[in-house]
Amino acid sequence: MRLRLVAASAVAVLVVVPALASCSGDSGSKQPPVTEEPNSRPTAPPLPPKQARAARMVVFNFLRGVGSGNAKVCGLLAPEYQRITFGKPGGCSAGFGAARKRFRPKDLTALRTVIVPTGEAGPGLGDYTVRFEDLKWKGDPARPGGVLAAVFTLHQTGKTWRIVG
């Protein structure tokens, strides 16, 4: 029995000592250096104020247009966003009236008073993001859903901004 105890102790020493030595900070260690985790959301470079304002104005005009019943705001939506929201590319024109009917009257009133004070560059180059929670309202906010996305992503092509997601 004593022999087993001695053998077990010898094995423990052979396992523990090298493990402790690897924690010594020796420069000869093969362990990679500890690094911080990258940010989960890559950040795009900030937009110049004039471009950021132009992007926010697209969301502003879209939301106010929905509130007032102006179907011309469909031109502010990229075809892929129209496909996602209305079921087909170019579907906004045909589906605008039905989408508006899903709103409560007080939601439509709120949309006519919305302000878009902020947003952020990204997620990609030439993109700008406006979050629904960052919108400001003169009264009670409209309920998100349907054409009111939790996040509006815009993309700039030339001088034109369009809502793409």
N, C-alpha and C. Protein backbone atom coordinates (compact mmCIF):
# COMPACT_ATOMS: atom_id res chain seq x y z
N MET A 1 0.83 -1.18 0.00
CA MET A 1 0.00 0.00 0.00
C MET A 1 0.88 1.25 0.00
N ARG A 2 1.97 1.19 0.80
CA ARG A 2 2.90 2.33 0.85
C ARG A 2 3.52 2.56 -0.52
N LEU A 3 3.76 1.47 -1.23
CA LEU A 3 4.35 1.58 -2.56
C LEU A 3 3.40 2.30 -3.52
N ARG A 4 2.11 2.03 -3.43
CA ARG A 4 1.12 2.72 -4.27
C ARG A 4 1.10 4.21 -3.96
N LEU A 5 1.16 4.58 -2.70
CA LEU A 5 1.15 5.98 -2.31
C LEU A 5 2.36 6.71 -2.84
N VAL A 6 3.53 6.07 -2.78
CA VAL A 6 4.75 6.67 -3.30
C VAL A 6 4.64 6.82 -4.82
N ALA A 7 4.14 5.81 -5.51
CA ALA A 7 4.01 5.86 -6.96
C ALA A 7 3.03 6.96 -7.38
N ALA A 8 1.91 7.08 -6.66
CA ALA A 8 0.92 8.12 -6.97
C ALA A 8 1.52 9.50 -6.74
N SER A 9 2.29 9.66 -5.70
CA SER A 9 2.94 10.96 -5.42
C SER A 9 3.93 11.31 -6.51
N ALA A 10 4.67 10.32 -6.99
CA ALA A 10 5.65 10.56 -8.04
C ALA A 10 4.95 11.01 -9.33
N VAL A 11 3.84 10.37 -9.66
CA VAL A 11 3.08 10.75 -10.86
C VAL A 11 2.54 12.17 -10.70
N ALA A 12 2.02 12.51 -9.55
CA ALA A 12 1.48 13.84 -9.31
C ALA A 12 2.57 14.89 -9.48
N VAL A 13 3.76 14.62 -8.97
CA VAL A 13 4.88 15.57 -9.10
C VAL A 13 5.23 15.73 -10.57
N LEU A 14 5.26 14.64 -11.33
CA LEU A 14 5.61 14.72 -12.74
C LEU A 14 4.58 15.52 -13.55
N VAL A 15 3.33 15.54 -13.12
CA VAL A 15 2.28 16.27 -13.83
C VAL A 15 2.21 17.72 -13.37
N VAL A 16 2.27 17.96 -12.07
CA VAL A 16 2.06 19.29 -11.52
C VAL A 16 3.24 20.22 -11.76
N VAL A 17 4.47 19.74 -11.58
CA VAL A 17 5.65 20.62 -11.69
C VAL A 17 5.75 21.23 -13.09
N PRO A 18 5.64 20.44 -14.18
CA PRO A 18 5.71 21.09 -15.50
C PRO A 18 4.57 22.09 -15.72
N ALA A 19 3.38 21.79 -15.19
CA ALA A 19 2.26 22.71 -15.34
C ALA A 19 2.53 24.02 -14.63
N LEU A 20 3.11 23.94 -13.45
CA LEU A 20 3.45 25.16 -12.71
C LEU A 20 4.55 25.93 -13.41
N ALA A 21 5.49 25.25 -14.01
CA ALA A 21 6.59 25.91 -14.70
C ALA A 21 6.09 26.69 -15.90
N SER A 22 5.03 26.19 -16.55
CA SER A 22 4.52 26.90 -17.72
C SER A 22 3.84 28.21 -17.35
N CYS A 23 3.49 28.38 -16.07
CA CYS A 23 2.87 29.62 -15.61
C CYS A 23 3.90 30.61 -15.10
N SER A 24 5.16 30.31 -15.24
CA SER A 24 6.20 31.16 -14.64
C SER A 24 6.43 32.45 -15.38
N GLY A 25 5.90 32.58 -16.57
CA GLY A 25 6.14 33.80 -17.34
C GLY A 25 7.46 33.75 -18.07
N ASP A 26 8.09 32.58 -18.14
CA ASP A 26 9.37 32.41 -18.82
C ASP A 26 9.21 32.81 -20.28
N SER A 27 10.15 33.59 -20.80
CA SER A 27 10.05 34.06 -22.17
C SER A 27 10.20 32.93 -23.17
N GLY A 28 10.67 31.78 -22.75
CA GLY A 28 10.80 30.63 -23.62
C GLY A 28 9.51 29.86 -23.76
N SER A 29 8.47 30.32 -23.13
CA SER A 29 7.19 29.62 -23.16
C SER A 29 6.61 29.63 -24.56
N LYS A 30 5.95 28.53 -24.91
CA LYS A 30 5.33 28.41 -26.22
C LYS A 30 3.90 28.91 -26.24
N GLN A 31 3.38 29.42 -25.11
CA GLN A 31 2.01 29.91 -25.02
C GLN A 31 1.88 31.23 -25.78
N PRO A 32 0.79 31.41 -26.55
CA PRO A 32 0.58 32.71 -27.21
C PRO A 32 0.23 33.76 -26.17
N PRO A 33 0.51 35.03 -26.46
CA PRO A 33 0.17 36.09 -25.51
C PRO A 33 -1.35 36.23 -25.39
N VAL A 34 -1.81 36.66 -24.25
CA VAL A 34 -3.23 36.88 -24.03
C VAL A 34 -3.63 38.16 -24.75
N THR A 35 -4.71 38.09 -25.53
CA THR A 35 -5.18 39.27 -26.25
C THR A 35 -6.65 39.49 -25.90
N GLU A 36 -7.08 40.71 -26.05
CA GLU A 36 -8.48 41.03 -25.81
C GLU A 36 -9.32 40.52 -26.96
N GLU A 37 -10.56 40.19 -26.64
CA GLU A 37 -11.49 39.78 -27.67
C GLU A 37 -11.80 40.98 -28.55
N PRO A 38 -11.88 40.78 -29.87
CA PRO A 38 -12.25 41.92 -30.72
C PRO A 38 -13.68 42.34 -30.43
N ASN A 39 -13.97 43.59 -30.72
CA ASN A 39 -15.32 44.12 -30.54
C ASN A 39 -16.28 43.30 -31.38
N SER A 40 -17.43 42.99 -30.83
CA SER A 40 -18.39 42.17 -31.54
C SER A 40 -18.99 42.89 -32.75
N ARG A 41 -18.99 44.22 -32.73
CA ARG A 41 -19.50 45.00 -33.86
C ARG A 41 -18.35 45.79 -34.46
N PRO A 42 -17.92 45.44 -35.66
CA PRO A 42 -16.86 46.24 -36.26
C PRO A 42 -17.36 47.67 -36.47
N THR A 43 -16.49 48.60 -36.26
CA THR A 43 -16.91 49.99 -36.40
C THR A 43 -16.39 50.56 -37.71
N ALA A 44 -17.24 51.26 -38.39
CA ALA A 44 -16.86 51.95 -39.62
C ALA A 44 -16.37 53.33 -39.22
N PRO A 45 -15.55 53.93 -40.04
CA PRO A 45 -15.11 55.29 -39.71
C PRO A 45 -16.31 56.24 -39.66
N PRO A 46 -16.29 57.22 -38.77
CA PRO A 46 -17.42 58.15 -38.68
C PRO A 46 -17.62 58.91 -40.00
N LEU A 47 -18.88 59.22 -40.26
CA LEU A 47 -19.21 59.99 -41.46
C LEU A 47 -19.04 61.47 -41.19
N PRO A 48 -18.70 62.22 -42.21
CA PRO A 48 -18.72 63.67 -42.04
C PRO A 48 -20.14 64.12 -41.67
N PRO A 49 -20.26 65.17 -40.87
CA PRO A 49 -21.60 65.61 -40.40
C PRO A 49 -22.61 65.82 -41.51
N LYS A 50 -22.19 66.34 -42.65
CA LYS A 50 -23.12 66.60 -43.75
C LYS A 50 -23.70 65.29 -44.30
N GLN A 51 -22.88 64.25 -44.41
CA GLN A 51 -23.36 62.95 -44.88
C GLN A 51 -24.26 62.29 -43.85
N ALA A 52 -23.87 62.37 -42.58
CA ALA A 52 -24.69 61.78 -41.52
C ALA A 52 -26.07 62.43 -41.49
N ARG A 53 -26.11 63.75 -41.64
CA ARG A 53 -27.39 64.47 -41.65
C ARG A 53 -28.24 64.03 -42.84
N ALA A 54 -27.61 63.87 -44.01
CA ALA A 54 -28.34 63.45 -45.20
C ALA A 54 -28.94 62.05 -45.00
N ALA A 55 -28.19 61.16 -44.37
CA ALA A 55 -28.71 59.81 -44.10
C ALA A 55 -29.88 59.87 -43.11
N ARG A 56 -29.73 60.65 -42.06
CA ARG A 56 -30.82 60.77 -41.07
C ARG A 56 -32.06 61.38 -41.70
N MET A 57 -31.89 62.30 -42.64
CA MET A 57 -33.03 62.93 -43.32
C MET A 57 -33.83 61.91 -44.13
N VAL A 58 -33.17 60.89 -44.65
CA VAL A 58 -33.89 59.85 -45.40
C VAL A 58 -34.84 59.12 -44.46
N VAL A 59 -34.35 58.74 -43.28
CA VAL A 59 -35.21 58.05 -42.30
C VAL A 59 -36.32 59.00 -41.85
N PHE A 60 -35.96 60.25 -41.57
CA PHE A 60 -36.93 61.27 -41.16
C PHE A 60 -38.04 61.40 -42.21
N ASN A 61 -37.66 61.58 -43.46
CA ASN A 61 -38.65 61.74 -44.54
C ASN A 61 -39.49 60.48 -44.74
N PHE A 62 -38.87 59.33 -44.61
CA PHE A 62 -39.61 58.08 -44.76
C PHE A 62 -40.67 57.95 -43.66
N LEU A 63 -40.27 58.11 -42.42
CA LEU A 63 -41.22 57.94 -41.31
C LEU A 63 -42.32 58.99 -41.35
N ARG A 64 -41.96 60.23 -41.60
CA ARG A 64 -42.99 61.27 -41.70
C ARG A 64 -43.91 61.02 -42.89
N GLY A 65 -43.36 60.52 -43.98
CA GLY A 65 -44.17 60.20 -45.15
C GLY A 65 -45.15 59.07 -44.89
N VAL A 66 -44.70 58.06 -44.15
CA VAL A 66 -45.62 56.97 -43.78
C VAL A 66 -46.73 57.54 -42.91
N GLY A 67 -46.38 58.41 -41.97
CA GLY A 67 -47.38 59.02 -41.09
C GLY A 67 -48.40 59.86 -41.83
N SER A 68 -47.96 60.53 -42.87
CA SER A 68 -48.88 61.42 -43.60
C SER A 68 -49.52 60.76 -44.82
N GLY A 69 -49.13 59.51 -45.11
CA GLY A 69 -49.75 58.81 -46.24
C GLY A 69 -49.15 59.12 -47.59
N ASN A 70 -47.92 59.59 -47.63
CA ASN A 70 -47.27 59.96 -48.88
C ASN A 70 -46.50 58.75 -49.44
N ALA A 71 -47.07 58.10 -50.43
CA ALA A 71 -46.46 56.90 -51.01
C ALA A 71 -45.18 57.21 -51.78
N LYS A 72 -44.88 58.46 -52.03
CA LYS A 72 -43.63 58.81 -52.71
C LYS A 72 -42.40 58.39 -51.90
N VAL A 73 -42.60 58.15 -50.60
CA VAL A 73 -41.48 57.73 -49.77
C VAL A 73 -40.97 56.34 -50.18
N CYS A 74 -41.71 55.62 -50.98
CA CYS A 74 -41.24 54.32 -51.48
C CYS A 74 -39.93 54.49 -52.25
N GLY A 75 -39.72 55.63 -52.84
CA GLY A 75 -38.48 55.91 -53.56
C GLY A 75 -37.26 55.98 -52.66
N LEU A 76 -37.47 56.07 -51.36
CA LEU A 76 -36.35 56.10 -50.41
C LEU A 76 -35.89 54.70 -50.01
N LEU A 77 -36.61 53.69 -50.47
CA LEU A 77 -36.31 52.31 -50.11
C LEU A 77 -35.61 51.59 -51.26
N ALA A 78 -34.55 50.88 -50.93
CA ALA A 78 -33.86 50.06 -51.93
C ALA A 78 -34.76 48.87 -52.29
N PRO A 79 -34.62 48.35 -53.51
CA PRO A 79 -35.45 47.21 -53.92
C PRO A 79 -35.37 46.02 -52.96
N GLU A 80 -34.18 45.74 -52.42
CA GLU A 80 -34.06 44.58 -51.51
C GLU A 80 -34.83 44.81 -50.21
N TYR A 81 -34.88 46.06 -49.76
CA TYR A 81 -35.67 46.35 -48.54
C TYR A 81 -37.16 46.26 -48.85
N GLN A 82 -37.56 46.69 -50.03
CA GLN A 82 -38.96 46.56 -50.42
C GLN A 82 -39.35 45.09 -50.52
N ARG A 83 -38.44 44.25 -51.01
CA ARG A 83 -38.71 42.82 -51.10
C ARG A 83 -38.90 42.23 -49.70
N ILE A 84 -38.02 42.60 -48.76
CA ILE A 84 -38.10 42.08 -47.40
C ILE A 84 -39.38 42.56 -46.72
N THR A 85 -39.70 43.83 -46.88
CA THR A 85 -40.81 44.43 -46.15
C THR A 85 -42.17 44.21 -46.81
N PHE A 86 -42.20 44.25 -48.14
CA PHE A 86 -43.48 44.18 -48.85
C PHE A 86 -43.64 42.91 -49.71
N GLY A 87 -42.65 42.02 -49.68
CA GLY A 87 -42.79 40.74 -50.36
C GLY A 87 -42.22 40.65 -51.76
N LYS A 88 -41.88 41.78 -52.38
CA LYS A 88 -41.27 41.74 -53.71
C LYS A 88 -40.55 43.06 -53.98
N PRO A 89 -39.54 43.02 -54.87
CA PRO A 89 -38.87 44.27 -55.22
C PRO A 89 -39.89 45.24 -55.82
N GLY A 90 -39.88 46.47 -55.40
CA GLY A 90 -40.85 47.43 -55.88
C GLY A 90 -42.22 47.26 -55.25
N GLY A 91 -42.33 46.44 -54.23
CA GLY A 91 -43.62 46.14 -53.61
C GLY A 91 -44.18 47.25 -52.75
N CYS A 92 -43.40 48.27 -52.47
CA CYS A 92 -43.88 49.35 -51.60
C CYS A 92 -45.08 50.07 -52.22
N SER A 93 -44.99 50.38 -53.49
CA SER A 93 -46.08 51.13 -54.13
C SER A 93 -47.42 50.43 -53.97
N ALA A 94 -47.43 49.12 -54.21
CA ALA A 94 -48.69 48.37 -54.12
C ALA A 94 -49.09 48.10 -52.67
N GLY A 95 -48.11 47.94 -51.78
CA GLY A 95 -48.42 47.56 -50.41
C GLY A 95 -48.44 48.69 -49.40
N PHE A 96 -48.17 49.90 -49.85
CA PHE A 96 -48.06 51.04 -48.93
C PHE A 96 -49.37 51.28 -48.17
N GLY A 97 -50.47 51.32 -48.87
CA GLY A 97 -51.77 51.59 -48.24
C GLY A 97 -52.13 50.54 -47.21
N ALA A 98 -51.92 49.27 -47.55
CA ALA A 98 -52.22 48.18 -46.61
C ALA A 98 -51.31 48.24 -45.39
N ALA A 99 -50.04 48.58 -45.60
CA ALA A 99 -49.09 48.68 -44.48
C ALA A 99 -49.51 49.82 -43.54
N ARG A 100 -49.97 50.91 -44.11
CA ARG A 100 -50.42 52.06 -43.29
C ARG A 100 -51.66 51.73 -42.48
N LYS A 101 -52.54 50.91 -43.03
CA LYS A 101 -53.78 50.56 -42.33
C LYS A 101 -53.52 49.73 -41.08
N ARG A 102 -52.34 49.12 -40.98
CA ARG A 102 -52.02 48.31 -39.80
C ARG A 102 -51.66 49.17 -38.59
N PHE A 103 -51.42 50.46 -38.81
CA PHE A 103 -51.06 51.35 -37.71
C PHE A 103 -52.29 51.86 -36.98
N ARG A 104 -52.13 52.04 -35.69
CA ARG A 104 -53.17 52.71 -34.91
C ARG A 104 -53.13 54.20 -35.28
N PRO A 105 -54.24 54.92 -35.17
CA PRO A 105 -54.23 56.35 -35.48
C PRO A 105 -53.17 57.11 -34.68
N LYS A 106 -52.97 56.74 -33.42
CA LYS A 106 -51.96 57.47 -32.63
C LYS A 106 -50.54 57.15 -33.09
N ASP A 107 -50.32 55.99 -33.72
CA ASP A 107 -49.00 55.69 -34.30
C ASP A 107 -48.74 56.60 -35.50
N LEU A 108 -49.77 56.78 -36.33
CA LEU A 108 -49.62 57.65 -37.50
C LEU A 108 -49.36 59.09 -37.06
N THR A 109 -50.04 59.53 -36.02
CA THR A 109 -49.80 60.87 -35.48
C THR A 109 -48.37 60.98 -34.98
N ALA A 110 -47.90 59.97 -34.27
CA ALA A 110 -46.53 59.98 -33.75
C ALA A 110 -45.51 60.05 -34.89
N LEU A 111 -45.76 59.31 -35.96
CA LEU A 111 -44.84 59.31 -37.09
C LEU A 111 -44.72 60.69 -37.74
N ARG A 112 -45.79 61.46 -37.69
CA ARG A 112 -45.75 62.80 -38.28
C ARG A 112 -44.94 63.77 -37.41
N THR A 113 -44.56 63.36 -36.20
CA THR A 113 -43.80 64.24 -35.31
C THR A 113 -42.40 63.72 -34.99
N VAL A 114 -42.00 62.61 -35.61
CA VAL A 114 -40.73 61.98 -35.27
C VAL A 114 -39.53 62.87 -35.62
N ILE A 115 -38.49 62.75 -34.83
CA ILE A 115 -37.21 63.43 -35.08
C ILE A 115 -36.13 62.35 -35.06
N VAL A 116 -35.17 62.46 -35.95
CA VAL A 116 -34.07 61.49 -36.04
C VAL A 116 -32.78 62.22 -35.64
N PRO A 117 -32.47 62.26 -34.34
CA PRO A 117 -31.36 63.07 -33.87
C PRO A 117 -29.99 62.45 -34.03
N THR A 118 -29.92 61.13 -34.17
CA THR A 118 -28.61 60.50 -34.17
C THR A 118 -28.62 59.20 -34.95
N GLY A 119 -27.46 58.71 -35.21
CA GLY A 119 -27.24 57.44 -35.89
C GLY A 119 -25.76 57.15 -35.81
N GLU A 120 -25.33 56.09 -36.47
CA GLU A 120 -23.91 55.76 -36.43
C GLU A 120 -23.48 55.18 -37.76
N ALA A 121 -22.23 55.39 -38.08
CA ALA A 121 -21.67 54.83 -39.30
C ALA A 121 -21.63 53.31 -39.19
N GLY A 122 -21.83 52.66 -40.31
CA GLY A 122 -21.71 51.20 -40.33
C GLY A 122 -23.05 50.54 -40.53
N PRO A 123 -23.10 49.27 -40.67
CA PRO A 123 -22.07 48.31 -40.34
C PRO A 123 -20.95 48.21 -41.37
N GLY A 124 -21.17 48.57 -42.60
CA GLY A 124 -20.12 48.51 -43.61
C GLY A 124 -19.73 49.90 -44.07
N LEU A 125 -18.75 49.96 -44.95
CA LEU A 125 -18.36 51.25 -45.51
C LEU A 125 -19.51 51.77 -46.38
N GLY A 126 -19.80 53.04 -46.27
CA GLY A 126 -20.90 53.63 -47.02
C GLY A 126 -22.26 53.36 -46.42
N ASP A 127 -22.29 52.81 -45.21
CA ASP A 127 -23.55 52.51 -44.53
C ASP A 127 -23.74 53.44 -43.34
N TYR A 128 -24.99 53.59 -42.95
CA TYR A 128 -25.33 54.38 -41.77
C TYR A 128 -26.51 53.69 -41.10
N THR A 129 -26.51 53.66 -39.78
CA THR A 129 -27.54 52.94 -39.03
C THR A 129 -28.28 53.88 -38.09
N VAL A 130 -29.60 53.80 -38.11
CA VAL A 130 -30.45 54.55 -37.18
C VAL A 130 -31.28 53.52 -36.43
N ARG A 131 -31.19 53.54 -35.12
CA ARG A 131 -31.94 52.59 -34.28
C ARG A 131 -33.28 53.21 -33.87
N PHE A 132 -34.31 52.39 -33.88
CA PHE A 132 -35.65 52.86 -33.53
C PHE A 132 -35.66 53.48 -32.14
N GLU A 133 -34.91 52.90 -31.21
CA GLU A 133 -34.90 53.42 -29.83
C GLU A 133 -34.26 54.81 -29.72
N ASP A 134 -33.50 55.22 -30.75
CA ASP A 134 -32.87 56.55 -30.73
C ASP A 134 -33.77 57.63 -31.32
N LEU A 135 -34.89 57.25 -31.89
CA LEU A 135 -35.81 58.24 -32.45
C LEU A 135 -36.45 59.03 -31.32
N LYS A 136 -36.75 60.29 -31.58
CA LYS A 136 -37.40 61.15 -30.59
C LYS A 136 -38.81 61.47 -31.08
N TRP A 137 -39.72 61.55 -30.12
CA TRP A 137 -41.14 61.74 -30.43
C TRP A 137 -41.66 62.91 -29.63
N LYS A 138 -42.60 63.67 -30.19
CA LYS A 138 -43.20 64.79 -29.45
C LYS A 138 -44.19 64.29 -28.40
N GLY A 139 -44.77 63.14 -28.62
CA GLY A 139 -45.70 62.54 -27.67
C GLY A 139 -45.32 61.09 -27.46
N ASP A 140 -46.33 60.23 -27.36
CA ASP A 140 -46.06 58.80 -27.24
C ASP A 140 -45.44 58.29 -28.54
N PRO A 141 -44.47 57.39 -28.43
CA PRO A 141 -43.85 56.86 -29.66
C PRO A 141 -44.77 55.89 -30.39
N ALA A 142 -44.51 55.75 -31.67
CA ALA A 142 -45.21 54.73 -32.46
C ALA A 142 -44.68 53.36 -32.04
N ARG A 143 -45.48 52.35 -32.25
CA ARG A 143 -45.03 50.98 -31.95
C ARG A 143 -44.20 50.47 -33.13
N PRO A 144 -43.04 49.86 -32.84
CA PRO A 144 -42.25 49.29 -33.94
C PRO A 144 -42.93 48.07 -34.52
N GLY A 145 -42.56 47.73 -35.72
CA GLY A 145 -43.12 46.57 -36.41
C GLY A 145 -43.56 46.95 -37.80
N GLY A 146 -43.70 45.98 -38.65
CA GLY A 146 -44.08 46.26 -40.04
C GLY A 146 -43.00 47.07 -40.73
N VAL A 147 -43.38 48.21 -41.27
CA VAL A 147 -42.40 49.06 -41.96
C VAL A 147 -41.52 49.83 -40.98
N LEU A 148 -41.85 49.78 -39.70
CA LEU A 148 -41.03 50.45 -38.68
C LEU A 148 -40.03 49.45 -38.11
N ALA A 149 -38.87 49.41 -38.69
CA ALA A 149 -37.84 48.45 -38.30
C ALA A 149 -37.20 48.83 -36.97
N ALA A 150 -36.66 47.85 -36.28
CA ALA A 150 -35.92 48.10 -35.05
C ALA A 150 -34.63 48.85 -35.36
N VAL A 151 -34.08 48.58 -36.54
CA VAL A 151 -32.86 49.25 -37.01
C VAL A 151 -33.04 49.56 -38.49
N PHE A 152 -32.80 50.81 -38.85
CA PHE A 152 -32.79 51.19 -40.27
C PHE A 152 -31.33 51.29 -40.70
N THR A 153 -30.97 50.50 -41.72
CA THR A 153 -29.63 50.59 -42.28
C THR A 153 -29.75 51.24 -43.63
N LEU A 154 -28.93 52.25 -43.83
CA LEU A 154 -28.94 52.99 -45.09
C LEU A 154 -27.62 52.77 -45.80
N HIS A 155 -27.66 52.84 -47.12
CA HIS A 155 -26.43 52.74 -47.92
C HIS A 155 -26.40 53.90 -48.90
N GLN A 156 -25.22 54.44 -49.05
CA GLN A 156 -25.04 55.56 -49.96
C GLN A 156 -24.44 55.07 -51.27
N THR A 157 -25.10 55.43 -52.36
CA THR A 157 -24.58 55.18 -53.69
C THR A 157 -24.51 56.53 -54.37
N GLY A 158 -23.31 56.98 -54.66
CA GLY A 158 -23.13 58.33 -55.18
C GLY A 158 -23.52 59.32 -54.09
N LYS A 159 -24.46 60.19 -54.39
CA LYS A 159 -24.94 61.15 -53.39
C LYS A 159 -26.28 60.73 -52.78
N THR A 160 -26.79 59.57 -53.20
CA THR A 160 -28.11 59.13 -52.79
C THR A 160 -28.05 58.10 -51.67
N TRP A 161 -28.81 58.35 -50.61
CA TRP A 161 -28.97 57.39 -49.51
C TRP A 161 -30.28 56.66 -49.71
N ARG A 162 -30.28 55.34 -49.48
CA ARG A 162 -31.50 54.54 -49.54
C ARG A 162 -31.52 53.61 -48.32
N ILE A 163 -32.71 53.32 -47.84
CA ILE A 163 -32.87 52.37 -46.74
C ILE A 163 -32.73 50.97 -47.35
N VAL A 164 -31.77 50.21 -46.83
CA VAL A 164 -31.50 48.87 -47.38
C VAL A 164 -31.83 47.75 -46.39
N GLY A 165 -32.09 48.11 -45.15
CA GLY A 165 -32.37 47.07 -44.17
C GLY A 165 -32.87 47.65 -42.88
